[in-house]
Every structure is written in structure tokens, then in C-alpha cells.
């Protein structure tokens, strides 16, 4: 059986966006964490939802959705919730709290990525396992003139200095919507991206990621226009 778990990490404190997880967002009094759990309980392809946190406020908000038996709330130790916590340590922690064959790591900070997007990602990933892929990454395609620090175009593979943008080599930005991988990738490679990842190209709207205070405001406007 291809059991898929969603790993949703949050922690107390935010240095760039104050109280970003729990302050009201687009009509959700419980903020980004409530929005994300609301989205996750609407999925059809996810078998288990794990909220991993040290934040009592996140836990209280999540408990409102406890009627969905897929949802598990697991307190995470303080040493794994620091701003200085090594991502590698958190990656190694994940397979200790789930037995699922496949782990989808996502974040509350991508509020426009909802149930439909997650289900589509899982369906694509499972359909490609037979082709040797061991993981899937949500990405956004970049097709524009990109320079290195020397001012050289890094994605021009043509023999002319200014090709059409559609003729530039595509590059891909990780959008943090989803990192989906086999359990063994976590255990054996100590990674959330395997040796043969599938790039799941997504549109910019559903890929929007909140990293700074301005992003929170923009995401709220986008969300209200798209869903309200």
C-alpha cells in the first residue's frame, strides 16, 4: 500500500514575519495554520496529516479539526524548533514519527497551495514511481534573462546575445509547496529530495510563498481574490 503522510512543521517565534503562523489571515482567525489544515483535511490522496510543533497556539487551532482521524498532533522537542536547528536533524526526525511509505513535506507559508494541488502532486508522483523517480519537488519555471554576478546570462544556450525569452534555457525555482519522497530517501540518504527527483512545475499563484512581511499582505490579497 502506498501510504502518504503530510509532514507540517511549525514552531514558536518568527523573526521575519511576526506571529506569521497564527495571526488572522484572509478570514481565518487561526491564521495560516488554520488555513493549511483546512486545506489538508479536504485532500483525497493524503492518508495521514502530522502537525509537528512546539507552539501551543498552533496545537489549539489544529485541535478544532481533530474529527478528521488522519490528523495527528505531535509535540516536537525544543532543540528541533530553534532558528538555529540544522535542517538535516529535522529530516532525520521525520521518519521516526511515521510509518508511511511516502512523506510529503509542506509549509503553512504557501497558503494558496490547496487540496487540489496536493492531490495532483501525489497522483503525479505515484504514477511516475515505475519510471525510477524517487521524489517530487514543487517548482516554478523561470524563463527570463538571468545574470550571474559578472553580468553574464546564465541561461542563454543560443549563439546570439539576446534570444527570445521562450528560447532561453528554463531554470526551476523550488517553491516550497511540496517535497514528496519515498521513506527510504529520508532514512538512507538523509534527505527530502532523492537521487532522481521529478520536477512538478506549478503556476506562480499557487506557488506563492510567504517569506517577508510584505509577502503576508500580498498573499492575503491574492487569497481573498482567488477564494473569497
Protein backbone atom coordinates (compact mmCIF):
# COMPACT_ATOMS: atom_id res chain seq x y z
CA UNK A 1 0.00 0.00 0.00
CA UNK A 2 1.34 3.45 -0.92
CA UNK A 3 0.54 5.35 2.28
CA UNK A 4 1.30 9.07 2.03
CA UNK A 5 1.78 11.24 5.09
CA UNK A 6 1.89 15.04 5.12
CA UNK A 7 4.54 16.46 7.47
CA UNK A 8 3.66 20.00 8.53
CA UNK A 9 6.29 21.64 10.77
CA UNK A 10 5.69 24.87 12.68
CA UNK A 11 7.45 26.43 15.62
CA UNK A 12 7.14 29.32 18.05
CA UNK A 13 8.56 32.63 17.01
CA UNK A 14 9.24 34.15 13.64
CA UNK A 15 12.00 36.65 13.06
CA UNK A 16 10.94 37.99 9.66
CA UNK A 17 7.12 37.82 9.91
CA UNK A 18 5.89 38.21 13.48
CA UNK A 19 3.35 35.57 14.58
CA UNK A 20 3.02 34.52 10.95
CA UNK A 21 1.54 31.08 11.71
CA UNK A 22 -1.36 32.12 13.93
CA UNK A 23 -2.28 35.77 13.30
CA UNK A 24 -5.56 36.23 11.36
CA UNK A 25 -5.26 35.59 7.64
CA UNK A 26 -7.91 36.11 4.94
CA UNK A 27 -10.84 35.46 7.27
CA UNK A 28 -9.19 32.61 9.19
CA UNK A 29 -8.91 33.67 12.83
CA UNK A 30 -6.42 30.84 13.29
CA UNK A 31 -4.26 32.25 10.53
CA UNK A 32 -2.01 30.33 8.17
CA UNK A 33 -2.04 27.18 10.30
CA UNK A 34 -5.84 27.00 10.25
CA UNK A 35 -5.92 27.64 6.52
CA UNK A 36 -3.40 24.90 5.84
CA UNK A 37 -5.09 22.27 8.00
CA UNK A 38 -8.44 23.20 6.46
CA UNK A 39 -6.87 22.55 3.05
CA UNK A 40 -5.26 19.28 4.13
CA UNK A 41 -8.43 17.73 5.55
CA UNK A 42 -10.03 18.28 2.14
CA UNK A 43 -7.39 16.19 0.34
CA UNK A 44 -8.24 12.77 -1.04
CA UNK A 45 -4.75 11.39 -1.70
CA UNK A 46 -3.17 12.01 1.72
CA UNK A 47 -3.57 9.24 4.31
CA UNK A 48 -2.04 10.90 7.36
CA UNK A 49 -1.52 14.53 8.41
CA UNK A 50 1.14 15.23 11.03
CA UNK A 51 1.43 18.64 12.66
CA UNK A 52 4.83 18.75 14.32
CA UNK A 53 5.24 21.77 16.57
CA UNK A 54 6.25 23.27 19.90
CA UNK A 55 3.62 26.01 19.60
CA UNK A 56 0.65 25.63 21.97
CA UNK A 57 -1.38 28.09 19.91
CA UNK A 58 -0.88 26.03 16.73
CA UNK A 59 -1.92 22.93 18.65
CA UNK A 60 -5.09 24.58 19.96
CA UNK A 61 -6.06 25.72 16.47
CA UNK A 62 -5.35 22.31 14.94
CA UNK A 63 -7.42 20.52 17.58
CA UNK A 64 -10.54 22.10 16.06
CA UNK A 65 -10.04 19.66 13.17
CA UNK A 66 -9.47 16.58 15.33
CA UNK A 67 -12.64 14.96 13.97
CA UNK A 68 -10.54 14.03 10.92
CA UNK A 69 -8.78 10.92 12.20
CA UNK A 70 -5.93 11.40 9.72
CA UNK A 71 -4.72 14.37 11.76
CA UNK A 72 -2.04 13.69 14.35
CA UNK A 73 -0.57 16.44 16.52
CA UNK A 74 2.93 15.65 17.75
CA UNK A 75 4.89 17.90 20.07
CA UNK A 76 8.43 18.48 18.82
CA UNK A 77 11.35 18.95 21.18
CA UNK A 78 12.69 22.45 21.67
CA UNK A 79 16.10 21.58 20.21
CA UNK A 80 14.37 20.76 16.93
CA UNK A 81 12.43 24.04 16.95
CA UNK A 82 15.21 26.59 17.14
CA UNK A 83 16.06 29.11 14.43
CA UNK A 84 19.50 27.50 14.50
CA UNK A 85 18.21 23.93 14.16
CA UNK A 86 20.02 22.06 11.41
CA UNK A 87 17.58 21.06 8.66
CA UNK A 88 19.39 17.72 8.44
CA UNK A 89 18.42 16.91 12.03
CA UNK A 90 14.78 17.66 11.28
CA UNK A 91 14.89 15.48 8.15
CA UNK A 92 16.24 12.56 10.20
CA UNK A 93 13.49 13.12 12.77
CA UNK A 94 10.58 12.80 10.33
CA UNK A 95 10.70 9.01 9.70
CA UNK A 96 10.75 8.41 13.46
CA UNK A 97 7.18 9.72 13.80
CA UNK A 98 5.50 8.00 10.85
CA UNK A 99 5.48 4.57 9.23
CA UNK A 100 4.23 5.88 5.89
CA UNK A 101 5.96 4.73 2.71
CA UNK A 102 5.92 8.25 1.27
CA UNK A 103 6.39 11.60 3.03
CA UNK A 104 5.09 14.93 1.72
CA UNK A 105 6.74 17.87 3.47
CA UNK A 106 4.86 21.14 3.19
CA UNK A 107 4.54 24.52 4.89
CA UNK A 108 1.81 26.85 6.13
CA UNK A 109 3.60 29.67 4.28
CA UNK A 110 2.23 28.54 0.91
CA UNK A 111 -1.43 29.40 1.61
CA UNK A 112 -2.61 29.29 -2.00
CA UNK A 113 -1.48 25.70 -2.48
CA UNK A 114 -4.59 23.76 -1.54
CA UNK A 115 -6.16 20.32 -1.62
CA UNK A 116 -6.36 20.14 -5.42
CA UNK A 117 -2.67 20.99 -5.81
CA UNK A 118 -1.56 18.46 -3.20
CA UNK A 119 -3.72 15.71 -4.67
CA UNK A 120 -2.38 16.46 -8.15
CA UNK A 121 1.20 16.30 -6.87
CA UNK A 122 0.65 12.98 -5.10
CA UNK A 123 -1.12 11.48 -8.11
CA UNK A 124 1.69 12.55 -10.46
CA UNK A 125 4.37 11.25 -8.10
CA UNK A 126 2.75 7.83 -7.62
CA UNK A 127 2.22 7.49 -11.38
CA UNK A 128 5.93 8.08 -12.03
CA UNK A 129 7.44 5.73 -9.43
CA UNK A 130 7.58 2.96 -12.03
CA UNK A 131 9.84 5.16 -14.16
CA UNK A 132 12.54 5.27 -11.49
CA UNK A 133 11.70 8.57 -9.81
CA UNK A 134 12.14 8.52 -6.05
CA UNK A 135 10.87 12.02 -5.19
CA UNK A 136 8.95 15.05 -6.42
CA UNK A 137 9.62 18.75 -5.87
CA UNK A 138 7.20 21.61 -6.40
CA UNK A 139 8.91 24.16 -8.63
CA UNK A 140 8.19 27.32 -10.59
CA UNK A 141 9.69 27.71 -14.05
CA UNK A 142 11.97 30.68 -14.66
CA UNK A 143 12.28 31.79 -18.27
CA UNK A 144 13.77 35.24 -18.18
CA UNK A 145 17.16 36.84 -18.60
CA UNK A 146 19.11 35.71 -15.53
CA UNK A 147 22.57 37.09 -14.78
CA UNK A 148 25.43 35.91 -12.60
CA UNK A 149 27.49 38.37 -10.55
CA UNK A 150 29.71 39.03 -13.56
CA UNK A 151 26.67 40.19 -15.52
CA UNK A 152 26.71 37.15 -17.83
CA UNK A 153 23.49 35.50 -18.95
CA UNK A 154 23.48 32.09 -17.28
CA UNK A 155 20.58 30.58 -19.22
CA UNK A 156 21.37 31.57 -22.80
CA UNK A 157 22.35 28.47 -24.75
CA UNK A 158 21.90 30.11 -28.16
CA UNK A 159 24.64 31.74 -30.25
CA UNK A 160 23.02 35.20 -30.19
CA UNK A 161 23.30 37.69 -27.31
CA UNK A 162 19.58 38.44 -26.94
CA UNK A 163 17.40 35.45 -27.87
CA UNK A 164 13.66 35.41 -27.42
CA UNK A 165 12.73 34.64 -23.81
CA UNK A 166 10.99 31.45 -24.94
CA UNK A 167 14.31 30.27 -26.40
CA UNK A 168 16.19 30.68 -23.12
CA UNK A 169 17.05 27.55 -21.16
CA UNK A 170 14.43 27.04 -18.46
CA UNK A 171 15.59 27.07 -14.85
CA UNK A 172 13.45 25.97 -11.92
CA UNK A 173 12.96 27.58 -8.52
CA UNK A 174 11.93 25.42 -5.57
CA UNK A 175 8.65 26.94 -4.39
CA UNK A 176 8.35 25.15 -1.01
CA UNK A 177 4.83 23.89 -1.71
CA UNK A 178 5.81 20.22 -1.57
CA UNK A 179 8.76 17.91 -1.13
CA UNK A 180 7.44 14.39 -1.70
CA UNK A 181 9.77 11.41 -1.36
CA UNK A 182 10.00 7.76 -0.52
CA UNK A 183 10.60 6.98 3.13
CA UNK A 184 13.93 5.38 2.22
CA UNK A 185 15.17 8.73 0.88
CA UNK A 186 14.81 10.12 4.40
CA UNK A 187 16.29 7.06 6.09
CA UNK A 188 19.11 6.12 3.71
CA UNK A 189 20.01 9.42 2.04
CA UNK A 190 19.02 11.65 4.98
CA UNK A 191 17.36 13.97 2.52
CA UNK A 192 13.88 15.05 1.42
CA UNK A 193 14.90 15.09 -2.25
CA UNK A 194 16.07 11.81 -3.78
CA UNK A 195 18.64 10.99 -6.42
CA UNK A 196 16.07 11.09 -9.21
CA UNK A 197 13.56 13.84 -8.43
CA UNK A 198 10.59 14.69 -10.60
CA UNK A 199 10.11 18.43 -11.12
CA UNK A 200 6.46 19.30 -10.61
CA UNK A 201 6.02 22.61 -12.44
CA UNK A 202 3.35 24.81 -10.85
CA UNK A 203 1.90 28.21 -11.66
CA UNK A 204 3.11 31.27 -9.77
CA UNK A 205 -0.17 31.95 -7.95
CA UNK A 206 -0.46 28.56 -6.23
CA UNK A 207 3.30 28.59 -5.61
CA UNK A 208 3.36 31.89 -3.72
CA UNK A 209 5.49 31.63 -0.58
CA UNK A 210 5.42 33.96 2.43
CA UNK A 211 8.94 34.84 3.48
CA UNK A 212 8.69 38.52 4.44
CA UNK A 213 6.08 40.84 5.93
CA UNK A 214 5.13 42.25 2.52
CA UNK A 215 4.54 38.70 1.28
CA UNK A 216 1.93 38.15 4.02
CA UNK A 217 -0.04 41.18 2.83
CA UNK A 218 0.24 40.20 -0.84
CA UNK A 219 -0.76 36.59 -0.12
CA UNK A 220 -3.83 37.73 1.80
CA UNK A 221 -4.99 39.92 -1.11
CA UNK A 222 -4.35 37.09 -3.59
CA UNK A 223 -6.17 34.58 -1.40
CA UNK A 224 -9.23 36.78 -0.98
CA UNK A 225 -9.41 37.42 -4.72
CA UNK A 226 -8.99 33.74 -5.58
CA UNK A 227 -11.12 32.03 -2.94
CA UNK A 228 -13.42 34.52 -1.21
